[in-house]
C-alpha atoms as a PDB file:
ATOM      1  CA  MET A   1     239.361-120.318 -17.403  1.00  0.00           C
ATOM      2  CA  ILE A   2     240.276-119.491 -21.001  1.00  0.00           C
ATOM      3  CA  ASP A   3     237.290-117.130 -21.213  1.00  0.00           C
ATOM      4  CA  LEU A   4     238.947-114.908 -18.589  1.00  0.00           C
ATOM      5  CA  VAL A   5     242.135-114.305 -20.603  1.00  0.00           C
ATOM      6  CA  PRO A   6     240.838-111.213 -22.484  1.00  0.00           C
ATOM      7  CA  CYS A   7     239.833-109.628 -19.150  1.00  0.00           C
ATOM      8  CA  LEU A   8     243.210-110.387 -17.606  1.00  0.00           C
ATOM      9  CA  LEU A   9     245.061-108.952 -20.596  1.00  0.00           C
ATOM     10  CA  SER A  10     242.899-105.832 -20.737  1.00  0.00           C
ATOM     11  CA  SER A  11     243.759-105.171 -17.088  1.00  0.00           C
ATOM     12  CA  LEU A  12     247.382-104.711 -18.163  1.00  0.00           C
ATOM     13  CA  PHE A  13     246.341-101.449 -19.845  1.00  0.00           C
ATOM     14  CA  THR A  14     244.602 -99.961 -16.822  1.00  0.00           C
ATOM     15  CA  ALA A  15     246.414-101.306 -13.764  1.00  0.00           C
ATOM     16  CA  ARG A  16     249.454 -99.653 -12.274  1.00  0.00           C
ATOM     17  CA  GLY A  17     252.600-101.691 -12.642  1.00  0.00           C
ATOM     18  CA  ARG A  18     251.226-103.691 -15.529  1.00  0.00           C
ATOM     19  CA  HIS A  19     251.579-107.127 -13.905  1.00  0.00           C
ATOM     20  CA  VAL A  20     249.326-110.158 -14.025  1.00  0.00           C
ATOM     21  CA  TYR A  21     249.332-113.251 -11.818  1.00  0.00           C
ATOM     22  CA  VAL A  22     247.368-116.377 -12.735  1.00  0.00           C
ATOM     23  CA  GLU A  23     247.127-119.586 -10.765  1.00  0.00           C
ATOM     24  CA  THR A  24     244.654-122.209 -11.941  1.00  0.00           C
ATOM     25  CA  PHE A  25     243.156-124.704  -9.573  1.00  0.00           C
ATOM     26  CA  GLY A  26     244.809-128.135  -9.336  1.00  0.00           C
ATOM     27  CA  GLY A  27     243.715-131.335 -10.985  1.00  0.00           C
ATOM     28  CA  GLN A  28     241.654-132.729  -8.124  1.00  0.00           C
ATOM     29  CA  GLY A  29     238.677-134.869  -9.075  1.00  0.00           C
ATOM     30  CA  GLU A  30     237.400-134.076 -12.560  1.00  0.00           C
ATOM     31  CA  ASN A  31     238.884-130.544 -12.675  1.00  0.00           C
ATOM     32  CA  PHE A  32     241.227-131.585 -15.476  1.00  0.00           C
ATOM     33  CA  ARG A  33     238.262-131.400 -17.855  1.00  0.00           C
ATOM     34  CA  VAL A  34     238.104-127.607 -17.639  1.00  0.00           C
ATOM     35  CA  LEU A  35     241.784-126.759 -17.169  1.00  0.00           C
ATOM     36  CA  PRO A  36     243.820-125.367 -20.081  1.00  0.00           C
ATOM     37  CA  LYS A  37     245.714-127.609 -22.451  1.00  0.00           C
ATOM     38  CA  ALA A  38     249.512-127.723 -22.329  1.00  0.00           C
ATOM     39  CA  GLY A  39     250.937-124.481 -23.752  1.00  0.00           C
ATOM     40  CA  GLN A  40     247.522-122.856 -24.198  1.00  0.00           C
ATOM     41  CA  LEU A  41     247.915-120.037 -21.664  1.00  0.00           C
ATOM     42  CA  ARG A  42     251.517-119.460 -22.720  1.00  0.00           C
ATOM     43  CA  ASP A  43     250.363-119.012 -26.320  1.00  0.00           C
ATOM     44  CA  LEU A  44     247.496-116.687 -25.394  1.00  0.00           C
ATOM     45  CA  PHE A  45     249.602-114.434 -23.166  1.00  0.00           C
ATOM     46  CA  SER A  46     252.989-114.498 -24.929  1.00  0.00           C
ATOM     47  CA  ARG A  47     252.156-111.841 -27.527  1.00  0.00           C
ATOM     48  CA  HIS A  48     251.379-109.327 -24.794  1.00  0.00           C
ATOM     49  CA  VAL A  49     253.574-110.077 -21.793  1.00  0.00           C
ATOM     50  CA  GLU A  50     257.053-110.997 -20.676  1.00  0.00           C
ATOM     51  CA  PHE A  51     256.893-114.012 -18.390  1.00  0.00           C
ATOM     52  CA  LYS A  52     258.716-113.581 -15.105  1.00  0.00           C
ATOM     53  CA  TYR A  53     257.561-117.033 -13.983  1.00  0.00           C
ATOM     54  CA  TYR A  54     255.664-119.744 -15.833  1.00  0.00           C
ATOM     55  CA  LYS A  55     255.061-123.304 -14.682  1.00  0.00           C
ATOM     56  CA  GLU A  56     252.763-126.003 -16.010  1.00  0.00           C
ATOM     57  CA  ARG A  57     251.973-129.278 -14.270  1.00  0.00           C
ATOM     58  CA  GLN A  58     250.311-132.189 -16.099  1.00  0.00           C
ATOM     59  CA  VAL A  59     246.991-133.182 -14.480  1.00  0.00           C
ATOM     60  CA  GLY A  60     244.419-135.829 -15.268  1.00  0.00           C
ATOM     61  CA  PRO A  61     244.677-138.533 -17.914  1.00  0.00           C
ATOM     62  CA  THR A  62     247.416-137.998 -20.491  1.00  0.00           C
ATOM     63  CA  GLU A  63     244.963-138.036 -23.412  1.00  0.00           C
ATOM     64  CA  PHE A  64     243.337-134.817 -22.107  1.00  0.00           C
ATOM     65  CA  ASN A  65     246.665-132.906 -22.212  1.00  0.00           C
ATOM     66  CA  SER A  66     245.405-130.723 -19.311  1.00  0.00           C
ATOM     67  CA  VAL A  67     247.685-128.705 -17.075  1.00  0.00           C
ATOM     68  CA  SER A  68     247.496-126.581 -13.974  1.00  0.00           C
ATOM     69  CA  VAL A  69     249.341-123.308 -14.490  1.00  0.00           C
ATOM     70  CA  THR A  70     251.019-120.692 -12.350  1.00  0.00           C
ATOM     71  CA  LEU A  71     252.262-117.597 -14.132  1.00  0.00           C
ATOM     72  CA  PHE A  72     253.478-114.144 -13.274  1.00  0.00           C
ATOM     73  CA  ALA A  73     254.032-111.729 -16.117  1.00  0.00           C
ATOM     74  CA  GLN A  74     254.600-108.090 -16.945  1.00  0.00           C
ATOM     75  CA  LYS A  75     253.384-106.127 -19.927  1.00  0.00           C
ATOM     76  CA  GLN A  76     255.997-106.193 -22.662  1.00  0.00           C
ATOM     77  CA  TYR A  77     258.339-103.239 -23.003  1.00  0.00           C
ATOM     78  CA  GLU A  78     260.370-102.221 -26.007  1.00  0.00           C
ATOM     79  CA  HIS A  79     263.597-100.249 -25.594  1.00  0.00           C
ATOM     80  CA  GLY A  80     262.566 -99.103 -22.133  1.00  0.00           C
ATOM     81  CA  ARG A  81     259.087 -98.037 -23.240  1.00  0.00           C
ATOM     82  CA  ARG A  82     255.702 -99.711 -23.085  1.00  0.00           C
ATOM     83  CA  LEU A  83     254.501-101.285 -26.299  1.00  0.00           C
ATOM     84  CA  ARG A  84     251.435 -99.427 -27.474  1.00  0.00           C
ATOM     85  CA  GLN A  85     248.500-101.723 -28.118  1.00  0.00           C
ATOM     86  CA  SER A  86     244.818-101.111 -28.204  1.00  0.00           C
ATOM     87  CA  PHE A  87     242.257-102.961 -26.168  1.00  0.00           C
ATOM     88  CA  GLN A  88     240.952-104.443 -29.442  1.00  0.00           C
ATOM     89  CA  ASP A  89     244.404-105.923 -30.185  1.00  0.00           C
ATOM     90  CA  VAL A  90     244.294-107.715 -26.846  1.00  0.00           C
ATOM     91  CA  VAL A  91     240.806-109.148 -27.043  1.00  0.00           C
ATOM     92  CA  GLY A  92     241.002-109.858 -30.779  1.00  0.00           C
ATOM     93  CA  ARG A  93     237.989-107.812 -31.849  1.00  0.00           C
END
């Protein structure tokens, strides 16, 4: 899941409307092992988007700190204008 974040963020620069929606799968079975950690997606996206909706739900054993996440966000704007960022800024290259 975390490996997809650069692709999702880069889509904000090419898609009309500049929105992104992410919904991870739930914590059924052993899924918690590959779900993000609490706050991880918020941290990765927060520099680039304004969250319109963000919800985390604890899944699996507490010691794994795994969460299922639903988020809806829009590319950040500054004073009514889009923030200019390069693709490299988004993917960290």
